[in-house]
């Protein structure tokens, strides 16, 4: 593990200290966890569909019904 020095505002550090005391964990552990969350959400490229943000492509033309066959429509559209 690499030791680093960071500067944070007093209110931010106080909030981390309060959370650390409330959970019985070291402040440094919470900060490491926050850095890891940031790394995973912002720095690590994702390739699975679960993490893609939805994009608006306009209004819904008609709602899907239980009888709709999306796979068939996609296959027909590609030929």
N, C-alpha and C. Protein backbone atom coordinates (compact mmCIF):
# COMPACT_ATOMS: atom_id res chain seq x y z
N UNK A 1 0.85 -1.17 0.00
CA UNK A 1 0.00 0.00 0.00
C UNK A 1 0.90 1.23 0.00
N UNK A 2 0.51 2.21 -0.78
CA UNK A 2 1.28 3.45 -0.92
C UNK A 2 0.76 4.50 0.05
N UNK A 3 1.65 5.14 0.78
CA UNK A 3 1.28 6.23 1.67
C UNK A 3 1.28 7.53 0.88
N UNK A 4 0.18 8.31 1.01
CA UNK A 4 0.08 9.59 0.31
C UNK A 4 -0.35 10.67 1.29
N UNK A 5 -0.18 11.91 0.89
CA UNK A 5 -0.64 13.05 1.67
C UNK A 5 -1.65 13.81 0.81
N UNK A 6 -2.83 14.07 1.37
CA UNK A 6 -3.83 14.85 0.66
C UNK A 6 -4.31 15.99 1.55
N UNK A 7 -4.76 17.06 0.94
CA UNK A 7 -5.34 18.18 1.67
C UNK A 7 -6.84 18.18 1.43
N UNK A 8 -7.60 18.17 2.53
CA UNK A 8 -9.06 18.24 2.44
C UNK A 8 -9.55 19.35 3.36
N UNK A 9 -10.74 19.84 3.05
CA UNK A 9 -11.29 20.90 3.89
C UNK A 9 -11.64 20.35 5.28
N UNK A 10 -11.64 21.22 6.27
CA UNK A 10 -11.97 20.80 7.63
C UNK A 10 -13.36 20.16 7.72
N UNK A 11 -14.39 20.74 7.06
CA UNK A 11 -15.72 20.10 7.15
C UNK A 11 -15.75 18.70 6.54
N UNK A 12 -15.05 18.48 5.44
CA UNK A 12 -15.04 17.16 4.82
C UNK A 12 -14.35 16.16 5.74
N UNK A 13 -13.21 16.55 6.28
CA UNK A 13 -12.49 15.64 7.17
C UNK A 13 -13.31 15.35 8.43
N UNK A 14 -13.99 16.37 8.96
CA UNK A 14 -14.81 16.18 10.16
C UNK A 14 -15.95 15.19 9.88
N UNK A 15 -16.52 15.28 8.69
CA UNK A 15 -17.60 14.36 8.33
C UNK A 15 -17.09 12.92 8.24
N UNK A 16 -15.91 12.75 7.66
CA UNK A 16 -15.33 11.40 7.60
C UNK A 16 -15.01 10.89 9.00
N UNK A 17 -14.51 11.76 9.88
CA UNK A 17 -14.20 11.33 11.24
C UNK A 17 -15.46 10.92 11.99
N UNK A 18 -16.55 11.69 11.81
CA UNK A 18 -17.82 11.33 12.46
C UNK A 18 -18.31 9.98 11.96
N UNK A 19 -18.25 9.76 10.64
CA UNK A 19 -18.69 8.49 10.07
C UNK A 19 -17.81 7.34 10.57
N UNK A 20 -16.53 7.59 10.69
CA UNK A 20 -15.60 6.55 11.17
C UNK A 20 -15.93 6.17 12.61
N UNK A 21 -16.16 7.17 13.45
CA UNK A 21 -16.51 6.88 14.84
C UNK A 21 -17.83 6.12 14.92
N UNK A 22 -18.80 6.52 14.10
CA UNK A 22 -20.12 5.89 14.14
C UNK A 22 -20.06 4.42 13.69
N UNK A 23 -19.14 4.10 12.81
CA UNK A 23 -19.05 2.73 12.30
C UNK A 23 -17.94 1.93 12.96
N UNK A 24 -17.15 2.57 13.82
CA UNK A 24 -16.06 1.86 14.50
C UNK A 24 -14.92 1.50 13.57
N UNK A 25 -14.74 2.29 12.53
CA UNK A 25 -13.67 2.03 11.56
C UNK A 25 -12.71 3.22 11.53
N UNK A 26 -11.50 3.01 11.09
CA UNK A 26 -10.56 4.12 10.98
C UNK A 26 -10.97 5.09 9.86
N UNK A 27 -10.71 6.37 10.08
CA UNK A 27 -11.00 7.40 9.08
C UNK A 27 -10.28 7.07 7.78
N UNK A 28 -9.04 6.65 7.88
CA UNK A 28 -8.25 6.35 6.68
C UNK A 28 -8.90 5.24 5.86
N UNK A 29 -9.54 4.27 6.52
CA UNK A 29 -10.21 3.19 5.81
C UNK A 29 -11.41 3.72 5.02
N UNK A 30 -12.16 4.64 5.62
CA UNK A 30 -13.29 5.23 4.91
C UNK A 30 -12.83 6.04 3.70
N UNK A 31 -11.74 6.76 3.86
CA UNK A 31 -11.22 7.56 2.75
C UNK A 31 -10.71 6.64 1.63
N UNK A 32 -10.03 5.56 1.99
CA UNK A 32 -9.60 4.58 0.97
C UNK A 32 -10.80 3.99 0.25
N UNK A 33 -11.85 3.68 1.00
CA UNK A 33 -13.06 3.13 0.40
C UNK A 33 -13.70 4.15 -0.56
N UNK A 34 -13.72 5.41 -0.16
CA UNK A 34 -14.28 6.46 -1.03
C UNK A 34 -13.44 6.59 -2.30
N UNK A 35 -12.13 6.50 -2.17
CA UNK A 35 -11.26 6.57 -3.35
C UNK A 35 -11.50 5.38 -4.27
N UNK A 36 -11.70 4.21 -3.70
CA UNK A 36 -11.95 3.02 -4.52
C UNK A 36 -13.30 3.13 -5.23
N UNK A 37 -14.31 3.65 -4.54
CA UNK A 37 -15.61 3.86 -5.18
C UNK A 37 -15.48 4.83 -6.35
N UNK A 38 -14.71 5.90 -6.16
CA UNK A 38 -14.49 6.87 -7.24
C UNK A 38 -13.76 6.21 -8.40
N UNK A 39 -12.75 5.43 -8.10
CA UNK A 39 -11.98 4.74 -9.14
C UNK A 39 -12.89 3.83 -9.97
N UNK A 40 -13.73 3.07 -9.29
CA UNK A 40 -14.60 2.13 -9.99
C UNK A 40 -15.69 2.85 -10.80
N UNK A 41 -16.22 3.95 -10.27
CA UNK A 41 -17.32 4.62 -10.95
C UNK A 41 -16.86 5.61 -12.01
N UNK A 42 -15.65 6.15 -11.89
CA UNK A 42 -15.23 7.21 -12.81
C UNK A 42 -13.99 6.89 -13.64
N UNK A 43 -13.11 6.05 -13.14
CA UNK A 43 -11.82 5.85 -13.80
C UNK A 43 -11.71 4.52 -14.54
N UNK A 44 -12.46 3.52 -14.10
CA UNK A 44 -12.37 2.19 -14.69
C UNK A 44 -13.38 2.07 -15.83
N UNK A 45 -12.91 1.76 -17.03
CA UNK A 45 -13.87 1.59 -18.12
C UNK A 45 -14.76 0.38 -17.88
N UNK A 46 -16.04 0.51 -18.21
CA UNK A 46 -16.97 -0.59 -18.05
C UNK A 46 -17.39 -1.08 -19.42
N UNK A 47 -17.51 -2.37 -19.54
CA UNK A 47 -17.87 -2.93 -20.83
C UNK A 47 -19.19 -3.71 -20.79
N UNK A 48 -19.78 -3.89 -19.60
CA UNK A 48 -21.02 -4.65 -19.55
C UNK A 48 -22.23 -3.71 -19.63
N UNK A 49 -23.32 -4.19 -20.12
CA UNK A 49 -24.52 -3.38 -20.34
C UNK A 49 -25.13 -2.87 -19.05
N UNK A 50 -24.87 -3.55 -17.96
CA UNK A 50 -25.47 -3.17 -16.68
C UNK A 50 -25.08 -1.76 -16.27
N UNK A 51 -23.91 -1.29 -16.65
CA UNK A 51 -23.42 0.01 -16.19
C UNK A 51 -23.58 1.14 -17.21
N UNK A 52 -24.17 0.88 -18.36
CA UNK A 52 -24.39 1.94 -19.32
C UNK A 52 -25.55 2.82 -18.86
N UNK A 53 -25.39 4.11 -19.00
CA UNK A 53 -26.46 5.04 -18.66
C UNK A 53 -27.47 5.05 -19.81
N UNK A 54 -28.76 5.12 -19.51
CA UNK A 54 -29.74 5.17 -20.58
C UNK A 54 -29.64 6.49 -21.35
N UNK A 55 -29.93 6.42 -22.63
CA UNK A 55 -29.88 7.60 -23.49
C UNK A 55 -31.27 7.78 -24.09
N UNK A 56 -31.77 9.00 -24.05
CA UNK A 56 -33.08 9.27 -24.64
C UNK A 56 -32.95 9.31 -26.15
N UNK A 57 -33.81 8.59 -26.84
CA UNK A 57 -33.83 8.60 -28.30
C UNK A 57 -35.18 9.10 -28.81
N UNK A 58 -35.91 9.78 -27.97
CA UNK A 58 -37.20 10.32 -28.37
C UNK A 58 -38.34 9.72 -27.56
N UNK A 59 -39.54 9.99 -28.03
CA UNK A 59 -40.73 9.53 -27.30
C UNK A 59 -41.01 8.06 -27.61
N UNK A 60 -41.77 7.44 -26.74
CA UNK A 60 -42.18 6.05 -26.93
C UNK A 60 -43.26 6.03 -28.00
N UNK A 61 -43.08 5.23 -29.05
CA UNK A 61 -44.06 5.16 -30.13
C UNK A 61 -45.28 4.35 -29.71
N UNK A 62 -45.03 3.25 -29.03
CA UNK A 62 -46.12 2.45 -28.45
C UNK A 62 -45.51 1.58 -27.36
N UNK A 63 -46.25 1.34 -26.31
CA UNK A 63 -45.71 0.50 -25.24
C UNK A 63 -45.54 -0.95 -25.70
N UNK A 64 -44.57 -1.63 -25.14
CA UNK A 64 -44.36 -3.05 -25.46
C UNK A 64 -45.48 -3.88 -24.84
N UNK A 65 -45.86 -4.91 -25.53
CA UNK A 65 -46.84 -5.84 -24.97
C UNK A 65 -46.12 -7.18 -24.73
N UNK A 66 -46.82 -8.07 -24.08
CA UNK A 66 -46.23 -9.39 -23.79
C UNK A 66 -45.99 -10.17 -25.08
N UNK A 67 -46.71 -9.83 -26.16
CA UNK A 67 -46.58 -10.55 -27.42
C UNK A 67 -45.47 -10.01 -28.32
N UNK A 68 -44.86 -8.89 -27.96
CA UNK A 68 -43.81 -8.32 -28.79
C UNK A 68 -42.58 -9.21 -28.82
N UNK A 69 -42.01 -9.38 -30.00
CA UNK A 69 -40.82 -10.21 -30.19
C UNK A 69 -39.67 -9.30 -30.61
N UNK A 70 -38.96 -8.77 -29.61
CA UNK A 70 -37.89 -7.83 -29.92
C UNK A 70 -36.75 -8.48 -30.68
N UNK A 71 -36.42 -9.70 -30.34
CA UNK A 71 -35.33 -10.38 -31.03
C UNK A 71 -35.65 -10.54 -32.52
N UNK A 72 -36.89 -10.92 -32.82
CA UNK A 72 -37.31 -11.06 -34.21
C UNK A 72 -37.24 -9.74 -34.95
N UNK A 73 -37.66 -8.65 -34.29
CA UNK A 73 -37.61 -7.34 -34.93
C UNK A 73 -36.17 -6.92 -35.19
N UNK A 74 -35.28 -7.20 -34.27
CA UNK A 74 -33.88 -6.83 -34.45
C UNK A 74 -33.26 -7.63 -35.60
N UNK A 75 -33.60 -8.91 -35.67
CA UNK A 75 -33.05 -9.75 -36.74
C UNK A 75 -33.59 -9.31 -38.09
N UNK A 76 -34.86 -8.95 -38.17
CA UNK A 76 -35.45 -8.49 -39.43
C UNK A 76 -34.82 -7.17 -39.85
N UNK A 77 -34.55 -6.30 -38.88
CA UNK A 77 -33.99 -4.98 -39.19
C UNK A 77 -32.57 -5.03 -39.67
N UNK A 78 -31.85 -6.10 -39.36
CA UNK A 78 -30.43 -6.17 -39.75
C UNK A 78 -30.21 -6.79 -41.12
N UNK A 79 -31.26 -7.35 -41.72
CA UNK A 79 -31.07 -7.99 -43.03
C UNK A 79 -31.38 -7.07 -44.17
